Structure formats: C-alpha cells, structure tokens
Amino acid sequence: MGRAKVTVTINGKEYVAIPRADYLRMVGGKDLEGAVDAVEYGRKSLGRSLRAARDTAGLTQGELAEKLGKTQPMVSGAESGAVRVGEKYVAAVLEACGLPRDWKAPRTKKGSRSGGGAA
C-alpha cells in the first residue's frame, strides 16, 4: 500500500486509520457492516465527556460559557461534536468545572465511558 496511516488510541485500544481505497482493497471492495467514521466518533465521544464534566459540576451551558469567556452556542457545539476543540479548551472546561486534569467521564450502563474521558 505504501500510503500514510494514522494510529489512534481509544480507551486503551490502538486503531489504525488508512485511506478508504486501501481499506476497500483489503476487504474485497465491501464495507464492513457497522463501520463508523473515526473522526466523527472521536468528536462525539469528546463531546459526551465535556457534557459529563459540566453535568458533574452542576453547571448549565450558559454558566460554563460565562466561566470560559465563550458563548453558549460554542459550548453546545463542543458538546455535540459540531465544533472542533483542542486540549486547551478541554483543560479550561475541567478547570471551570473544578475537576482534575486527569478526570474521566463516568461509565455508562453499557460499560463504556460516557465520552471516553475528556482529559
């Protein structure tokens, strides 16, 4: 193949992202059932963790936005995965919520983290 690949670790498991054409060649031209877009999954997972942090602190989106010096729609977008955020934003949210930088979202009933951990 010889093309670039990306390695991502989610919940302690390492995954490799490759170009779609290479993937389709490997599986005989058929998509695997249940496959998901890794970037979309990552954004939504992080968003769930951001919301869990805010909920843990008992804050509304508006209250968190005020503490961060951001707008409520920006906070909402980050929580839905529609707005890209970085490590600096995540650290600011955890600080505003009074949570340690290594805080992890609580596990859901299905045994997965509600967002994979926001730290």
N, C-alpha and C. Protein backbone atom coordinates (compact mmCIF):
# COMPACT_ATOMS: atom_id res chain seq x y z
N MET A 1 0.82 -1.19 0.00
CA MET A 1 0.00 0.00 0.00
C MET A 1 0.86 1.25 0.00
N GLY A 2 1.76 1.40 0.99
CA GLY A 2 2.69 2.49 0.98
C GLY A 2 2.12 3.88 1.25
N ARG A 3 0.88 3.98 1.59
CA ARG A 3 0.28 5.30 1.88
C ARG A 3 0.38 5.61 3.35
N ALA A 4 0.13 6.87 3.67
CA ALA A 4 0.17 7.31 5.06
C ALA A 4 -0.94 6.64 5.86
N LYS A 5 -0.67 6.44 7.12
CA LYS A 5 -1.68 5.92 8.03
C LYS A 5 -1.63 6.72 9.31
N VAL A 6 -2.70 6.64 10.07
CA VAL A 6 -2.80 7.34 11.35
C VAL A 6 -3.09 6.30 12.41
N THR A 7 -2.39 6.38 13.52
CA THR A 7 -2.64 5.49 14.64
C THR A 7 -3.34 6.28 15.74
N VAL A 8 -4.43 5.72 16.27
CA VAL A 8 -5.23 6.38 17.29
C VAL A 8 -5.46 5.39 18.42
N THR A 9 -5.36 5.86 19.66
CA THR A 9 -5.65 5.01 20.81
C THR A 9 -6.93 5.53 21.45
N ILE A 10 -7.92 4.65 21.57
CA ILE A 10 -9.20 4.98 22.18
C ILE A 10 -9.47 3.96 23.26
N ASN A 11 -9.67 4.46 24.48
CA ASN A 11 -9.93 3.58 25.63
C ASN A 11 -8.90 2.47 25.74
N GLY A 12 -7.62 2.81 25.48
CA GLY A 12 -6.53 1.85 25.64
C GLY A 12 -6.34 0.90 24.49
N LYS A 13 -7.17 0.98 23.45
CA LYS A 13 -7.01 0.11 22.29
C LYS A 13 -6.45 0.92 21.13
N GLU A 14 -5.46 0.36 20.45
CA GLU A 14 -4.84 1.06 19.33
C GLU A 14 -5.53 0.70 18.02
N TYR A 15 -5.85 1.74 17.22
CA TYR A 15 -6.50 1.57 15.93
C TYR A 15 -5.64 2.23 14.86
N VAL A 16 -5.73 1.73 13.63
CA VAL A 16 -5.01 2.31 12.52
C VAL A 16 -6.02 2.79 11.50
N ALA A 17 -5.89 4.06 11.11
CA ALA A 17 -6.76 4.62 10.07
C ALA A 17 -5.96 4.65 8.77
N ILE A 18 -6.56 4.15 7.71
CA ILE A 18 -5.92 4.13 6.40
C ILE A 18 -6.85 4.73 5.36
N PRO A 19 -6.33 5.11 4.20
CA PRO A 19 -7.21 5.64 3.15
C PRO A 19 -8.30 4.63 2.79
N ARG A 20 -9.49 5.13 2.51
CA ARG A 20 -10.65 4.29 2.20
C ARG A 20 -10.37 3.33 1.05
N ALA A 21 -9.69 3.79 0.01
CA ALA A 21 -9.40 2.92 -1.14
C ALA A 21 -8.56 1.72 -0.72
N ASP A 22 -7.59 1.94 0.17
CA ASP A 22 -6.77 0.83 0.67
C ASP A 22 -7.62 -0.14 1.49
N TYR A 23 -8.47 0.42 2.32
CA TYR A 23 -9.37 -0.40 3.13
C TYR A 23 -10.27 -1.26 2.25
N LEU A 24 -10.87 -0.66 1.23
CA LEU A 24 -11.77 -1.41 0.34
C LEU A 24 -11.02 -2.51 -0.39
N ARG A 25 -9.78 -2.25 -0.76
CA ARG A 25 -8.97 -3.30 -1.40
C ARG A 25 -8.75 -4.46 -0.43
N MET A 26 -8.50 -4.15 0.83
CA MET A 26 -8.23 -5.19 1.82
C MET A 26 -9.45 -6.06 2.10
N VAL A 27 -10.65 -5.49 2.04
CA VAL A 27 -11.85 -6.26 2.37
C VAL A 27 -12.59 -6.70 1.11
N GLY A 28 -11.93 -6.67 -0.01
CA GLY A 28 -12.54 -7.16 -1.24
C GLY A 28 -13.59 -6.23 -1.82
N GLY A 29 -13.48 -4.93 -1.55
CA GLY A 29 -14.40 -3.96 -2.14
C GLY A 29 -15.71 -3.78 -1.39
N LYS A 30 -15.87 -4.45 -0.25
CA LYS A 30 -17.12 -4.34 0.51
C LYS A 30 -16.85 -3.68 1.86
N ASP A 31 -17.70 -2.73 2.21
CA ASP A 31 -17.60 -2.10 3.53
C ASP A 31 -17.99 -3.10 4.61
N LEU A 32 -17.32 -3.02 5.75
CA LEU A 32 -17.71 -3.85 6.88
C LEU A 32 -18.96 -3.25 7.51
N GLU A 33 -19.90 -4.10 7.83
CA GLU A 33 -21.13 -3.64 8.48
C GLU A 33 -20.81 -3.07 9.85
N GLY A 34 -21.38 -1.93 10.14
CA GLY A 34 -21.19 -1.31 11.45
C GLY A 34 -19.97 -0.41 11.54
N ALA A 35 -19.22 -0.23 10.45
CA ALA A 35 -18.05 0.64 10.48
C ALA A 35 -18.50 2.08 10.73
N VAL A 36 -17.68 2.85 11.46
CA VAL A 36 -18.01 4.23 11.76
C VAL A 36 -16.85 5.13 11.36
N ASP A 37 -17.14 6.39 11.14
CA ASP A 37 -16.12 7.39 10.85
C ASP A 37 -15.39 7.71 12.14
N ALA A 38 -14.08 7.49 12.18
CA ALA A 38 -13.31 7.66 13.41
C ALA A 38 -13.29 9.10 13.90
N VAL A 39 -13.20 10.06 12.99
CA VAL A 39 -13.15 11.46 13.40
C VAL A 39 -14.49 11.87 14.03
N GLU A 40 -15.57 11.49 13.37
CA GLU A 40 -16.90 11.81 13.92
C GLU A 40 -17.10 11.14 15.28
N TYR A 41 -16.69 9.89 15.38
CA TYR A 41 -16.81 9.17 16.65
C TYR A 41 -16.00 9.88 17.75
N GLY A 42 -14.78 10.28 17.41
CA GLY A 42 -13.92 10.95 18.38
C GLY A 42 -14.51 12.26 18.86
N ARG A 43 -15.05 13.06 17.94
CA ARG A 43 -15.65 14.34 18.32
C ARG A 43 -16.88 14.14 19.21
N LYS A 44 -17.72 13.18 18.85
CA LYS A 44 -18.92 12.93 19.65
C LYS A 44 -18.57 12.37 21.02
N SER A 45 -17.55 11.52 21.04
CA SER A 45 -17.10 10.94 22.30
C SER A 45 -16.55 12.03 23.22
N LEU A 46 -15.72 12.90 22.67
CA LEU A 46 -15.19 14.00 23.46
C LEU A 46 -16.32 14.92 23.92
N GLY A 47 -17.27 15.17 23.04
CA GLY A 47 -18.42 16.00 23.40
C GLY A 47 -19.19 15.43 24.57
N ARG A 48 -19.39 14.10 24.56
CA ARG A 48 -20.09 13.46 25.68
C ARG A 48 -19.31 13.63 26.98
N SER A 49 -17.98 13.56 26.89
CA SER A 49 -17.16 13.76 28.09
C SER A 49 -17.24 15.20 28.59
N LEU A 50 -17.25 16.15 27.66
CA LEU A 50 -17.37 17.56 28.05
C LEU A 50 -18.70 17.80 28.76
N ARG A 51 -19.76 17.22 28.22
CA ARG A 51 -21.07 17.38 28.86
C ARG A 51 -21.08 16.71 30.24
N ALA A 52 -20.48 15.53 30.34
CA ALA A 52 -20.43 14.84 31.63
C ALA A 52 -19.68 15.68 32.66
N ALA A 53 -18.61 16.35 32.24
CA ALA A 53 -17.87 17.21 33.16
C ALA A 53 -18.75 18.37 33.62
N ARG A 54 -19.45 18.98 32.68
CA ARG A 54 -20.34 20.10 33.02
C ARG A 54 -21.46 19.64 33.95
N ASP A 55 -22.06 18.48 33.62
CA ASP A 55 -23.13 17.94 34.47
C ASP A 55 -22.61 17.62 35.88
N THR A 56 -21.41 17.06 35.95
CA THR A 56 -20.81 16.74 37.25
C THR A 56 -20.66 17.99 38.11
N ALA A 57 -20.32 19.10 37.45
CA ALA A 57 -20.16 20.36 38.17
C ALA A 57 -21.49 21.05 38.46
N GLY A 58 -22.58 20.54 37.88
CA GLY A 58 -23.89 21.14 38.10
C GLY A 58 -24.07 22.47 37.38
N LEU A 59 -23.38 22.65 36.26
CA LEU A 59 -23.46 23.90 35.51
C LEU A 59 -24.35 23.76 34.29
N THR A 60 -24.99 24.86 33.90
CA THR A 60 -25.69 24.90 32.62
C THR A 60 -24.66 25.26 31.55
N GLN A 61 -25.04 25.10 30.29
CA GLN A 61 -24.14 25.51 29.21
C GLN A 61 -23.84 27.00 29.31
N GLY A 62 -24.84 27.80 29.63
CA GLY A 62 -24.65 29.23 29.76
C GLY A 62 -23.68 29.59 30.87
N GLU A 63 -23.81 28.92 32.01
CA GLU A 63 -22.91 29.18 33.14
C GLU A 63 -21.47 28.79 32.79
N LEU A 64 -21.30 27.64 32.14
CA LEU A 64 -19.96 27.22 31.74
C LEU A 64 -19.39 28.21 30.72
N ALA A 65 -20.20 28.61 29.77
CA ALA A 65 -19.75 29.56 28.76
C ALA A 65 -19.24 30.85 29.42
N GLU A 66 -19.99 31.33 30.40
CA GLU A 66 -19.59 32.55 31.10
C GLU A 66 -18.25 32.37 31.80
N LYS A 67 -18.06 31.23 32.47
CA LYS A 67 -16.79 30.96 33.16
C LYS A 67 -15.62 30.89 32.18
N LEU A 68 -15.90 30.40 30.96
CA LEU A 68 -14.85 30.23 29.95
C LEU A 68 -14.63 31.48 29.11
N GLY A 69 -15.57 32.43 29.19
CA GLY A 69 -15.49 33.59 28.31
C GLY A 69 -15.86 33.23 26.88
N LYS A 70 -16.72 32.23 26.74
CA LYS A 70 -17.20 31.76 25.43
C LYS A 70 -18.70 31.99 25.36
N THR A 71 -19.29 31.63 24.22
CA THR A 71 -20.74 31.74 24.08
C THR A 71 -21.39 30.39 24.38
N GLN A 72 -22.67 30.43 24.74
CA GLN A 72 -23.41 29.18 24.98
C GLN A 72 -23.47 28.33 23.71
N PRO A 73 -23.68 28.91 22.51
CA PRO A 73 -23.69 28.06 21.31
C PRO A 73 -22.34 27.37 21.06
N MET A 74 -21.24 28.02 21.46
CA MET A 74 -19.93 27.38 21.29
C MET A 74 -19.82 26.17 22.20
N VAL A 75 -20.25 26.33 23.45
CA VAL A 75 -20.23 25.21 24.41
C VAL A 75 -21.13 24.08 23.89
N SER A 76 -22.31 24.42 23.41
CA SER A 76 -23.22 23.42 22.87
C SER A 76 -22.59 22.69 21.68
N GLY A 77 -21.95 23.45 20.80
CA GLY A 77 -21.31 22.84 19.64
C GLY A 77 -20.18 21.90 20.03
N ALA A 78 -19.42 22.27 21.04
CA ALA A 78 -18.34 21.40 21.51
C ALA A 78 -18.92 20.11 22.09
N GLU A 79 -20.03 20.23 22.82
CA GLU A 79 -20.65 19.04 23.43
C GLU A 79 -21.31 18.14 22.40
N SER A 80 -21.75 18.71 21.28
CA SER A 80 -22.40 17.88 20.25
C SER A 80 -21.39 17.32 19.26
N GLY A 81 -20.17 17.83 19.31
CA GLY A 81 -19.15 17.39 18.37
C GLY A 81 -19.13 18.21 17.09
N ALA A 82 -19.98 19.23 17.01
CA ALA A 82 -20.05 20.05 15.81
C ALA A 82 -18.92 21.08 15.74
N VAL A 83 -18.37 21.45 16.89
CA VAL A 83 -17.29 22.43 16.95
C VAL A 83 -16.01 21.71 17.36
N ARG A 84 -14.94 21.93 16.60
CA ARG A 84 -13.66 21.33 16.92
C ARG A 84 -13.05 22.05 18.11
N VAL A 85 -12.58 21.28 19.07
CA VAL A 85 -11.91 21.86 20.24
C VAL A 85 -10.60 21.11 20.45
N GLY A 86 -9.70 21.78 21.15
CA GLY A 86 -8.40 21.18 21.42
C GLY A 86 -8.16 20.93 22.89
N GLU A 87 -6.95 20.52 23.17
CA GLU A 87 -6.56 20.19 24.54
C GLU A 87 -6.71 21.39 25.48
N LYS A 88 -6.40 22.58 24.97
CA LYS A 88 -6.50 23.80 25.78
C LYS A 88 -7.95 24.03 26.24
N TYR A 89 -8.91 23.83 25.32
CA TYR A 89 -10.32 24.00 25.67
C TYR A 89 -10.75 22.96 26.70
N VAL A 90 -10.36 21.71 26.48
CA VAL A 90 -10.73 20.64 27.41
C VAL A 90 -10.18 20.95 28.80
N ALA A 91 -8.92 21.39 28.88
CA ALA A 91 -8.32 21.73 30.17
C ALA A 91 -9.07 22.88 30.84
N ALA A 92 -9.49 23.87 30.04
CA ALA A 92 -10.24 25.00 30.59
C ALA A 92 -11.59 24.56 31.12
N VAL A 93 -12.25 23.64 30.41
CA VAL A 93 -13.55 23.13 30.88
C VAL A 93 -13.37 22.39 32.20
N LEU A 94 -12.38 21.52 32.27
CA LEU A 94 -12.15 20.77 33.51
C LEU A 94 -11.86 21.71 34.67
N GLU A 95 -11.05 22.74 34.42
CA GLU A 95 -10.74 23.72 35.48
C GLU A 95 -12.00 24.48 35.90
N ALA A 96 -12.78 24.92 34.92
CA ALA A 96 -14.01 25.67 35.22
C ALA A 96 -15.01 24.81 36.00
N CYS A 97 -14.95 23.51 35.77
CA CYS A 97 -15.86 22.58 36.46
C CYS A 97 -15.29 22.09 37.79
N GLY A 98 -14.08 22.54 38.12
CA GLY A 98 -13.46 22.14 39.39
C GLY A 98 -13.01 20.70 39.40
N LEU A 99 -12.66 20.18 38.21
CA LEU A 99 -12.25 18.78 38.09
C LEU A 99 -10.76 18.69 37.78
N PRO A 100 -10.09 17.62 38.22
CA PRO A 100 -8.66 17.47 37.92
C PRO A 100 -8.43 17.19 36.43
N ARG A 101 -7.25 17.51 35.95
CA ARG A 101 -6.93 17.32 34.52
C ARG A 101 -7.02 15.86 34.09
N ASP A 102 -6.85 14.93 35.02
CA ASP A 102 -6.91 13.51 34.66
C ASP A 102 -8.31 12.91 34.88
N TRP A 103 -9.32 13.77 35.07
CA TRP A 103 -10.69 13.31 35.28
C TRP A 103 -11.17 12.49 34.08
N LYS A 104 -11.90 11.45 34.34
CA LYS A 104 -12.51 10.62 33.29
C LYS A 104 -14.02 10.61 33.50
N ALA A 105 -14.74 10.63 32.40
CA ALA A 105 -16.20 10.58 32.47
C ALA A 105 -16.62 9.26 33.10
N PRO A 106 -17.70 9.26 33.88
CA PRO A 106 -18.17 8.02 34.49
C PRO A 106 -18.64 7.04 33.43
N ARG A 107 -18.57 5.78 33.77
CA ARG A 107 -19.02 4.74 32.83
C ARG A 107 -20.53 4.73 32.71
N THR A 108 -21.01 4.40 31.51
CA THR A 108 -22.45 4.28 31.29
C THR A 108 -22.89 2.86 31.62
N LYS A 109 -24.17 2.59 31.53
CA LYS A 109 -24.70 1.27 31.83
C LYS A 109 -24.13 0.19 30.91
N LYS A 110 -23.74 0.57 29.68
CA LYS A 110 -23.21 -0.41 28.74
C LYS A 110 -21.75 -0.73 29.01
N GLY A 111 -21.13 -0.05 30.00
CA GLY A 111 -19.76 -0.36 30.35
C GLY A 111 -18.73 0.51 29.65
N SER A 112 -19.18 1.38 28.76
CA SER A 112 -18.22 2.29 28.11
C SER A 112 -18.27 3.62 28.81
N ARG A 113 -17.25 4.40 28.63
CA ARG A 113 -17.26 5.73 29.23
C ARG A 113 -18.26 6.58 28.49
N SER A 114 -18.87 7.50 29.21
CA SER A 114 -19.88 8.34 28.55
C SER A 114 -19.24 9.20 27.48
N GLY A 115 -17.93 9.33 27.48
CA GLY A 115 -17.27 10.07 26.43
C GLY A 115 -15.86 9.64 26.19
N GLY A 116 -15.43 8.56 26.80
CA GLY A 116 -14.08 8.12 26.60
C GLY A 116 -13.06 8.86 27.44
N GLY A 117 -13.51 9.78 28.28
CA GLY A 117 -12.60 10.56 29.11
C GLY A 117 -12.23 11.85 28.42
N ALA A 118 -12.30 12.92 29.10
CA ALA A 118 -12.04 14.20 28.49
C ALA A 118 -10.65 14.72 28.77
N ALA A 119 -9.91 14.06 29.61
CA ALA A 119 -8.60 14.57 29.97
C ALA A 119 -7.56 14.23 28.96
